[in-house]
Amino acid sequence: MTKTDARLALAQKQRRFEWELAREEQTRTASKLVAGKTHDLLNLVQIVQLASAELGKHCSDAGKEFVADLTRAATDAQATLLSLMQVARPDAVRVRGPAVGAIVTRVLEEIRTAVEVDLHLAVSADTATSLTAEQLEHLVIGIALDAADAARIELYVRDRTIDGKGWVEIVRGAETPRGGDSFDLRSVELLAKLGGGELARSERRGGGTELVVALPAL
């Protein structure tokens, strides 16, 4: 497989992931809109449940069937609302993901079939973030694809301590042409935010660009 073919395959893999990522983001956004009213809706459901229980004491057999259906519907609505609450608050609790160094080293084996990358790994063996293995892999793929036209990419992954808190920095340096729409960085920026971090980009002295993804370490 030529590097051009490998780059195309890598880009296709990234597009499929981005499509799934966009769907998940839409779900999170919709759920957050619902979350603001969830408590009020749950209160209404509880009122319906209490009213149904009271009505059931005074209804005929035919009426009790209707009340039973109403009670089941209220119970289903309650379960759905509770599920939406959990989806709407995924950032409240951050779960420790896999070791960063191992994931970056593994995904670079695939990336190097398409792009020349020099890795400078300076993280502890147990350094981790809240990103999953898949999210971290595609964050690195997006960083590489954004500079795929460069002759060579320098990738630095290192531990940092800022104000007493641990961070992971993924820094990419490359001689890349100016301009472009930075399409591949859109998913990188979203993944950085999902991990509680941020993405920054600047021009390097002597030409080229430097990109930094900073993620809180767990």
C-alpha atoms as a PDB file:
ATOM      1  CA  MET A   1       0.000   0.000   0.000  1.00  0.00           C
ATOM      2  CA  THR A   2       1.368   3.414  -0.971  1.00  0.00           C
ATOM      3  CA  LYS A   3       1.402   6.329   1.463  1.00  0.00           C
ATOM      4  CA  THR A   4      -1.323   7.991  -0.596  1.00  0.00           C
ATOM      5  CA  ASP A   5      -3.544   4.923  -0.268  1.00  0.00           C
ATOM      6  CA  ALA A   6      -2.737   4.662   3.439  1.00  0.00           C
ATOM      7  CA  ARG A   7      -3.577   8.337   3.952  1.00  0.00           C
ATOM      8  CA  LEU A   8      -6.900   7.896   2.167  1.00  0.00           C
ATOM      9  CA  ALA A   9      -7.748   4.862   4.299  1.00  0.00           C
ATOM     10  CA  LEU A  10      -6.819   6.766   7.460  1.00  0.00           C
ATOM     11  CA  ALA A  11      -8.970   9.734   6.422  1.00  0.00           C
ATOM     12  CA  GLN A  12     -11.933   7.451   5.711  1.00  0.00           C
ATOM     13  CA  LYS A  13     -11.548   5.852   9.129  1.00  0.00           C
ATOM     14  CA  GLN A  14     -11.486   9.312  10.711  1.00  0.00           C
ATOM     15  CA  ARG A  15     -14.603  10.434   8.825  1.00  0.00           C
ATOM     16  CA  ARG A  16     -16.544   7.397  10.074  1.00  0.00           C
ATOM     17  CA  PHE A  17     -15.511   8.169  13.640  1.00  0.00           C
ATOM     18  CA  GLU A  18     -16.416  11.845  13.234  1.00  0.00           C
ATOM     19  CA  TRP A  19     -19.879  10.861  12.036  1.00  0.00           C
ATOM     20  CA  GLU A  20     -20.427   8.799  15.186  1.00  0.00           C
ATOM     21  CA  LEU A  21     -18.942  11.589  17.292  1.00  0.00           C
ATOM     22  CA  ALA A  22     -21.360  14.096  15.755  1.00  0.00           C
ATOM     23  CA  ARG A  23     -24.305  11.824  16.534  1.00  0.00           C
ATOM     24  CA  GLU A  24     -23.169  11.488  20.141  1.00  0.00           C
ATOM     25  CA  GLU A  25     -22.762  15.255  20.417  1.00  0.00           C
ATOM     26  CA  GLN A  26     -26.285  15.800  19.085  1.00  0.00           C
ATOM     27  CA  THR A  27     -27.580  13.378  21.699  1.00  0.00           C
ATOM     28  CA  ARG A  28     -25.721  15.208  24.463  1.00  0.00           C
ATOM     29  CA  THR A  29     -27.004  18.579  23.275  1.00  0.00           C
ATOM     30  CA  ALA A  30     -30.600  17.385  23.065  1.00  0.00           C
ATOM     31  CA  SER A  31     -30.353  15.743  26.463  1.00  0.00           C
ATOM     32  CA  LYS A  32     -28.983  18.890  28.072  1.00  0.00           C
ATOM     33  CA  LEU A  33     -31.957  20.847  26.755  1.00  0.00           C
ATOM     34  CA  VAL A  34     -34.258  18.320  28.379  1.00  0.00           C
ATOM     35  CA  ALA A  35     -32.262  18.193  31.624  1.00  0.00           C
ATOM     36  CA  GLY A  36     -33.229  21.732  32.594  1.00  0.00           C
ATOM     37  CA  LYS A  37     -36.869  20.685  32.832  1.00  0.00           C
ATOM     38  CA  THR A  38     -36.361  17.105  33.932  1.00  0.00           C
ATOM     39  CA  HIS A  39     -37.107  17.665  37.611  1.00  0.00           C
ATOM     40  CA  ASP A  40     -40.380  19.436  36.804  1.00  0.00           C
ATOM     41  CA  LEU A  41     -41.363  16.631  34.442  1.00  0.00           C
ATOM     42  CA  LEU A  42     -40.525  14.004  37.056  1.00  0.00           C
ATOM     43  CA  ASN A  43     -42.703  15.838  39.569  1.00  0.00           C
ATOM     44  CA  LEU A  44     -45.596  15.749  37.104  1.00  0.00           C
ATOM     45  CA  VAL A  45     -45.067  12.031  36.549  1.00  0.00           C
ATOM     46  CA  GLN A  46     -45.140  11.425  40.295  1.00  0.00           C
ATOM     47  CA  ILE A  47     -48.398  13.384  40.541  1.00  0.00           C
ATOM     48  CA  VAL A  48     -49.879  11.186  37.813  1.00  0.00           C
ATOM     49  CA  GLN A  49     -48.705   8.066  39.642  1.00  0.00           C
ATOM     50  CA  LEU A  50     -50.253   9.210  42.928  1.00  0.00           C
ATOM     51  CA  ALA A  51     -53.487  10.240  41.206  1.00  0.00           C
ATOM     52  CA  SER A  52     -53.656   6.905  39.386  1.00  0.00           C
ATOM     53  CA  ALA A  53     -53.240   5.003  42.631  1.00  0.00           C
ATOM     54  CA  GLU A  54     -56.059   6.998  44.209  1.00  0.00           C
ATOM     55  CA  LEU A  55     -58.332   6.636  41.179  1.00  0.00           C
ATOM     56  CA  GLY A  56     -57.773   2.897  41.174  1.00  0.00           C
ATOM     57  CA  LYS A  57     -59.458   2.673  44.562  1.00  0.00           C
ATOM     58  CA  HIS A  58     -62.733   4.111  43.249  1.00  0.00           C
ATOM     59  CA  CYS A  59     -62.979   2.819  39.662  1.00  0.00           C
ATOM     60  CA  SER A  60     -64.961   0.024  38.096  1.00  0.00           C
ATOM     61  CA  ASP A  61     -63.134  -2.893  36.523  1.00  0.00           C
ATOM     62  CA  ALA A  62     -63.171  -1.136  33.132  1.00  0.00           C
ATOM     63  CA  GLY A  63     -61.858   2.039  34.723  1.00  0.00           C
ATOM     64  CA  LYS A  64     -59.112   0.127  36.500  1.00  0.00           C
ATOM     65  CA  GLU A  65     -57.802  -1.106  33.135  1.00  0.00           C
ATOM     66  CA  PHE A  66     -57.453   2.504  32.009  1.00  0.00           C
ATOM     67  CA  VAL A  67     -55.757   3.443  35.286  1.00  0.00           C
ATOM     68  CA  ALA A  68     -53.359   0.492  34.900  1.00  0.00           C
ATOM     69  CA  ASP A  69     -52.417   1.691  31.406  1.00  0.00           C
ATOM     70  CA  LEU A  70     -51.913   5.208  32.749  1.00  0.00           C
ATOM     71  CA  THR A  71     -49.721   3.910  35.563  1.00  0.00           C
ATOM     72  CA  ARG A  72     -47.562   1.909  33.143  1.00  0.00           C
ATOM     73  CA  ALA A  73     -47.166   4.937  30.890  1.00  0.00           C
ATOM     74  CA  ALA A  74     -46.124   7.078  33.864  1.00  0.00           C
ATOM     75  CA  THR A  75     -43.596   4.450  34.956  1.00  0.00           C
ATOM     76  CA  ASP A  76     -42.124   4.271  31.439  1.00  0.00           C
ATOM     77  CA  ALA A  77     -41.933   8.071  31.296  1.00  0.00           C
ATOM     78  CA  GLN A  78     -40.146   8.152  34.639  1.00  0.00           C
ATOM     79  CA  ALA A  79     -37.552   5.616  33.457  1.00  0.00           C
ATOM     80  CA  THR A  80     -36.978   7.575  30.241  1.00  0.00           C
ATOM     81  CA  LEU A  81     -36.522  10.858  32.100  1.00  0.00           C
ATOM     82  CA  LEU A  82     -34.060   9.312  34.541  1.00  0.00           C
ATOM     83  CA  SER A  83     -32.107   7.883  31.604  1.00  0.00           C
ATOM     84  CA  LEU A  84     -32.019  11.298  29.928  1.00  0.00           C
ATOM     85  CA  MET A  85     -30.700  12.839  33.126  1.00  0.00           C
ATOM     86  CA  GLN A  86     -27.777  10.417  33.121  1.00  0.00           C
ATOM     87  CA  VAL A  87     -26.982  11.145  29.468  1.00  0.00           C
ATOM     88  CA  ALA A  88     -27.332  14.892  29.992  1.00  0.00           C
ATOM     89  CA  ARG A  89     -24.711  14.962  32.717  1.00  0.00           C
ATOM     90  CA  PRO A  90     -21.824  12.869  31.343  1.00  0.00           C
ATOM     91  CA  ASP A  91     -19.226  15.445  32.358  1.00  0.00           C
ATOM     92  CA  ALA A  92     -20.202  15.428  36.012  1.00  0.00           C
ATOM     93  CA  VAL A  93     -18.058  12.368  36.705  1.00  0.00           C
ATOM     94  CA  ARG A  94     -14.832  11.781  34.798  1.00  0.00           C
ATOM     95  CA  VAL A  95     -13.731   8.179  34.470  1.00  0.00           C
ATOM     96  CA  ARG A  96     -10.045   7.378  34.151  1.00  0.00           C
ATOM     97  CA  GLY A  97      -9.154   6.198  30.670  1.00  0.00           C
ATOM     98  CA  PRO A  98      -6.246   4.065  29.435  1.00  0.00           C
ATOM     99  CA  ALA A  99      -2.569   5.005  29.674  1.00  0.00           C
ATOM    100  CA  VAL A 100      -1.816   7.789  27.193  1.00  0.00           C
ATOM    101  CA  GLY A 101       1.667   6.627  26.218  1.00  0.00           C
ATOM    102  CA  ALA A 102       0.565   3.128  25.239  1.00  0.00           C
ATOM    103  CA  ILE A 103      -2.342   4.375  23.111  1.00  0.00           C
ATOM    104  CA  VAL A 104      -0.277   7.021  21.306  1.00  0.00           C
ATOM    105  CA  THR A 105       2.509   4.533  20.574  1.00  0.00           C
ATOM    106  CA  ARG A 106       0.014   2.010  19.199  1.00  0.00           C
ATOM    107  CA  VAL A 107      -1.904   4.388  16.939  1.00  0.00           C
ATOM    108  CA  LEU A 108       1.308   5.875  15.536  1.00  0.00           C
ATOM    109  CA  GLU A 109       2.146   2.499  14.008  1.00  0.00           C
ATOM    110  CA  GLU A 110      -0.917   2.965  11.810  1.00  0.00           C
ATOM    111  CA  ILE A 111      -0.370   6.681  11.198  1.00  0.00           C
ATOM    112  CA  ARG A 112       3.223   6.162  10.052  1.00  0.00           C
ATOM    113  CA  THR A 113       2.016   4.132   7.081  1.00  0.00           C
ATOM    114  CA  ALA A 114       0.531   7.396   5.782  1.00  0.00           C
ATOM    115  CA  VAL A 115       2.502  10.247   7.387  1.00  0.00           C
ATOM    116  CA  GLU A 116       6.091  10.620   8.606  1.00  0.00           C
ATOM    117  CA  VAL A 117       5.959  11.211  12.369  1.00  0.00           C
ATOM    118  CA  ASP A 118       8.732  11.446  14.967  1.00  0.00           C
ATOM    119  CA  LEU A 119       7.436  10.713  18.464  1.00  0.00           C
ATOM    120  CA  HIS A 120       8.974  12.224  21.599  1.00  0.00           C
ATOM    121  CA  LEU A 121       7.276  10.460  24.500  1.00  0.00           C
ATOM    122  CA  ALA A 122       7.802  11.950  27.963  1.00  0.00           C
ATOM    123  CA  VAL A 123       4.860  10.734  30.040  1.00  0.00           C
ATOM    124  CA  SER A 124       4.749   8.324  32.940  1.00  0.00           C
ATOM    125  CA  ALA A 125       3.620   4.808  32.117  1.00  0.00           C
ATOM    126  CA  ASP A 126       0.417   5.291  34.131  1.00  0.00           C
ATOM    127  CA  THR A 127      -0.483   8.813  32.945  1.00  0.00           C
ATOM    128  CA  ALA A 128      -4.115   8.848  31.807  1.00  0.00           C
ATOM    129  CA  THR A 129      -6.955  11.225  30.936  1.00  0.00           C
ATOM    130  CA  SER A 130     -10.730  10.827  30.830  1.00  0.00           C
ATOM    131  CA  LEU A 131     -10.711  10.043  27.093  1.00  0.00           C
ATOM    132  CA  THR A 132     -11.380   6.480  26.005  1.00  0.00           C
ATOM    133  CA  ALA A 133      -8.845   4.561  23.936  1.00  0.00           C
ATOM    134  CA  GLU A 134     -10.873   5.179  20.759  1.00  0.00           C
ATOM    135  CA  GLN A 135     -11.245   8.898  21.464  1.00  0.00           C
ATOM    136  CA  LEU A 136      -7.537   9.307  22.174  1.00  0.00           C
ATOM    137  CA  GLU A 137      -6.582   7.372  19.041  1.00  0.00           C
ATOM    138  CA  HIS A 138      -8.731   9.581  16.821  1.00  0.00           C
ATOM    139  CA  LEU A 139      -7.519  12.730  18.523  1.00  0.00           C
ATOM    140  CA  VAL A 140      -3.970  11.780  17.484  1.00  0.00           C
ATOM    141  CA  ILE A 141      -5.120  10.759  13.994  1.00  0.00           C
ATOM    142  CA  GLY A 142      -6.836  14.129  13.553  1.00  0.00           C
ATOM    143  CA  ILE A 143      -3.699  15.960  14.684  1.00  0.00           C
ATOM    144  CA  ALA A 144      -1.634  14.030  12.141  1.00  0.00           C
ATOM    145  CA  LEU A 145      -4.076  14.368   9.232  1.00  0.00           C
ATOM    146  CA  ASP A 146      -4.244  18.137   9.738  1.00  0.00           C
ATOM    147  CA  ALA A 147      -0.529  18.265   8.844  1.00  0.00           C
ATOM    148  CA  ALA A 148      -0.489  15.342   6.413  1.00  0.00           C
ATOM    149  CA  ASP A 149       1.076  17.505   3.677  1.00  0.00           C
ATOM    150  CA  ALA A 150       4.140  18.200   5.815  1.00  0.00           C
ATOM    151  CA  ALA A 151       7.342  16.328   4.997  1.00  0.00           C
ATOM    152  CA  ARG A 152       7.627  15.274   8.638  1.00  0.00           C
ATOM    153  CA  ILE A 153       5.684  15.817  11.853  1.00  0.00           C
ATOM    154  CA  GLU A 154       7.231  16.166  15.294  1.00  0.00           C
ATOM    155  CA  LEU A 155       4.894  14.896  18.020  1.00  0.00           C
ATOM    156  CA  TYR A 156       5.661  15.537  21.692  1.00  0.00           C
ATOM    157  CA  VAL A 157       3.590  13.890  24.425  1.00  0.00           C
ATOM    158  CA  ARG A 158       4.558  15.022  27.908  1.00  0.00           C
ATOM    159  CA  ASP A 159       3.457  15.435  31.500  1.00  0.00           C
ATOM    160  CA  ARG A 160       2.943  18.967  32.799  1.00  0.00           C
ATOM    161  CA  THR A 161       2.075  20.383  36.211  1.00  0.00           C
ATOM    162  CA  ILE A 162       0.168  23.668  36.248  1.00  0.00           C
ATOM    163  CA  ASP A 163      -0.914  25.231  39.546  1.00  0.00           C
ATOM    164  CA  GLY A 164      -0.318  21.920  41.268  1.00  0.00           C
ATOM    165  CA  LYS A 165      -2.531  19.959  38.864  1.00  0.00           C
ATOM    166  CA  GLY A 166      -1.377  17.332  36.404  1.00  0.00           C
ATOM    167  CA  TRP A 167      -1.895  17.799  32.681  1.00  0.00           C
ATOM    168  CA  VAL A 168      -1.019  15.919  29.525  1.00  0.00           C
ATOM    169  CA  GLU A 169       0.241  17.979  26.603  1.00  0.00           C
ATOM    170  CA  ILE A 170       0.243  16.669  23.056  1.00  0.00           C
ATOM    171  CA  VAL A 171       2.279  19.077  20.946  1.00  0.00           C
ATOM    172  CA  ARG A 172       2.602  18.842  17.179  1.00  0.00           C
ATOM    173  CA  GLY A 173       5.165  20.768  15.226  1.00  0.00           C
ATOM    174  CA  ALA A 174       5.191  20.688  11.434  1.00  0.00           C
ATOM    175  CA  GLU A 175       6.208  22.691   8.398  1.00  0.00           C
ATOM    176  CA  THR A 176       2.732  23.152   6.960  1.00  0.00           C
ATOM    177  CA  PRO A 177       1.486  25.647   4.371  1.00  0.00           C
ATOM    178  CA  ARG A 178      -0.608  28.549   5.612  1.00  0.00           C
ATOM    179  CA  GLY A 179      -4.339  28.584   5.028  1.00  0.00           C
ATOM    180  CA  GLY A 180      -6.746  25.676   4.835  1.00  0.00           C
ATOM    181  CA  ASP A 181      -9.946  25.109   6.745  1.00  0.00           C
ATOM    182  CA  SER A 182      -8.385  22.936   9.493  1.00  0.00           C
ATOM    183  CA  PHE A 183     -11.171  20.420   8.879  1.00  0.00           C
ATOM    184  CA  ASP A 184      -9.434  17.624  10.787  1.00  0.00           C
ATOM    185  CA  LEU A 185      -9.023  19.840  13.843  1.00  0.00           C
ATOM    186  CA  ARG A 186     -12.777  20.142  14.386  1.00  0.00           C
ATOM    187  CA  SER A 187     -12.989  16.669  15.871  1.00  0.00           C
ATOM    188  CA  VAL A 188      -9.717  17.242  17.743  1.00  0.00           C
ATOM    189  CA  GLU A 189     -11.148  20.358  19.379  1.00  0.00           C
ATOM    190  CA  LEU A 190     -14.362  18.549  20.336  1.00  0.00           C
ATOM    191  CA  LEU A 191     -12.436  15.612  21.800  1.00  0.00           C
ATOM    192  CA  ALA A 192     -10.223  17.999  23.767  1.00  0.00           C
ATOM    193  CA  LYS A 193     -13.343  19.613  25.262  1.00  0.00           C
ATOM    194  CA  LEU A 194     -14.835  16.210  26.067  1.00  0.00           C
ATOM    195  CA  GLY A 195     -11.634  15.446  27.963  1.00  0.00           C
ATOM    196  CA  GLY A 196     -11.914  18.704  29.915  1.00  0.00           C
ATOM    197  CA  GLY A 197      -9.059  20.309  28.001  1.00  0.00           C
ATOM    198  CA  GLU A 198      -8.438  22.672  25.128  1.00  0.00           C
ATOM    199  CA  LEU A 199      -6.770  23.079  21.759  1.00  0.00           C
ATOM    200  CA  ALA A 200      -4.425  25.924  20.831  1.00  0.00           C
ATOM    201  CA  ARG A 201      -2.596  26.656  17.585  1.00  0.00           C
ATOM    202  CA  SER A 202       0.164  29.137  16.807  1.00  0.00           C
ATOM    203  CA  GLU A 203       2.832  29.962  14.243  1.00  0.00           C
ATOM    204  CA  ARG A 204       6.328  28.664  14.950  1.00  0.00           C
ATOM    205  CA  ARG A 205       9.460  30.736  14.724  1.00  0.00           C
ATOM    206  CA  GLY A 206      11.149  29.976  11.459  1.00  0.00           C
ATOM    207  CA  GLY A 207       7.903  28.891   9.803  1.00  0.00           C
ATOM    208  CA  GLY A 208       5.339  26.188  10.235  1.00  0.00           C
ATOM    209  CA  THR A 209       2.748  25.736  12.930  1.00  0.00           C
ATOM    210  CA  GLU A 210       2.598  24.377  16.453  1.00  0.00           C
ATOM    211  CA  LEU A 211      -0.530  22.786  17.803  1.00  0.00           C
ATOM    212  CA  VAL A 212      -1.062  21.994  21.490  1.00  0.00           C
ATOM    213  CA  VAL A 213      -3.770  19.823  23.015  1.00  0.00           C
ATOM    214  CA  ALA A 214      -3.841  20.068  26.815  1.00  0.00           C
ATOM    215  CA  LEU A 215      -5.849  17.497  28.789  1.00  0.00           C
ATOM    216  CA  PRO A 216      -6.276  17.153  32.567  1.00  0.00           C
ATOM    217  CA  ALA A 217      -4.497  14.053  33.852  1.00  0.00           C
ATOM    218  CA  LEU A 218      -6.389  11.648  36.097  1.00  0.00           C
END
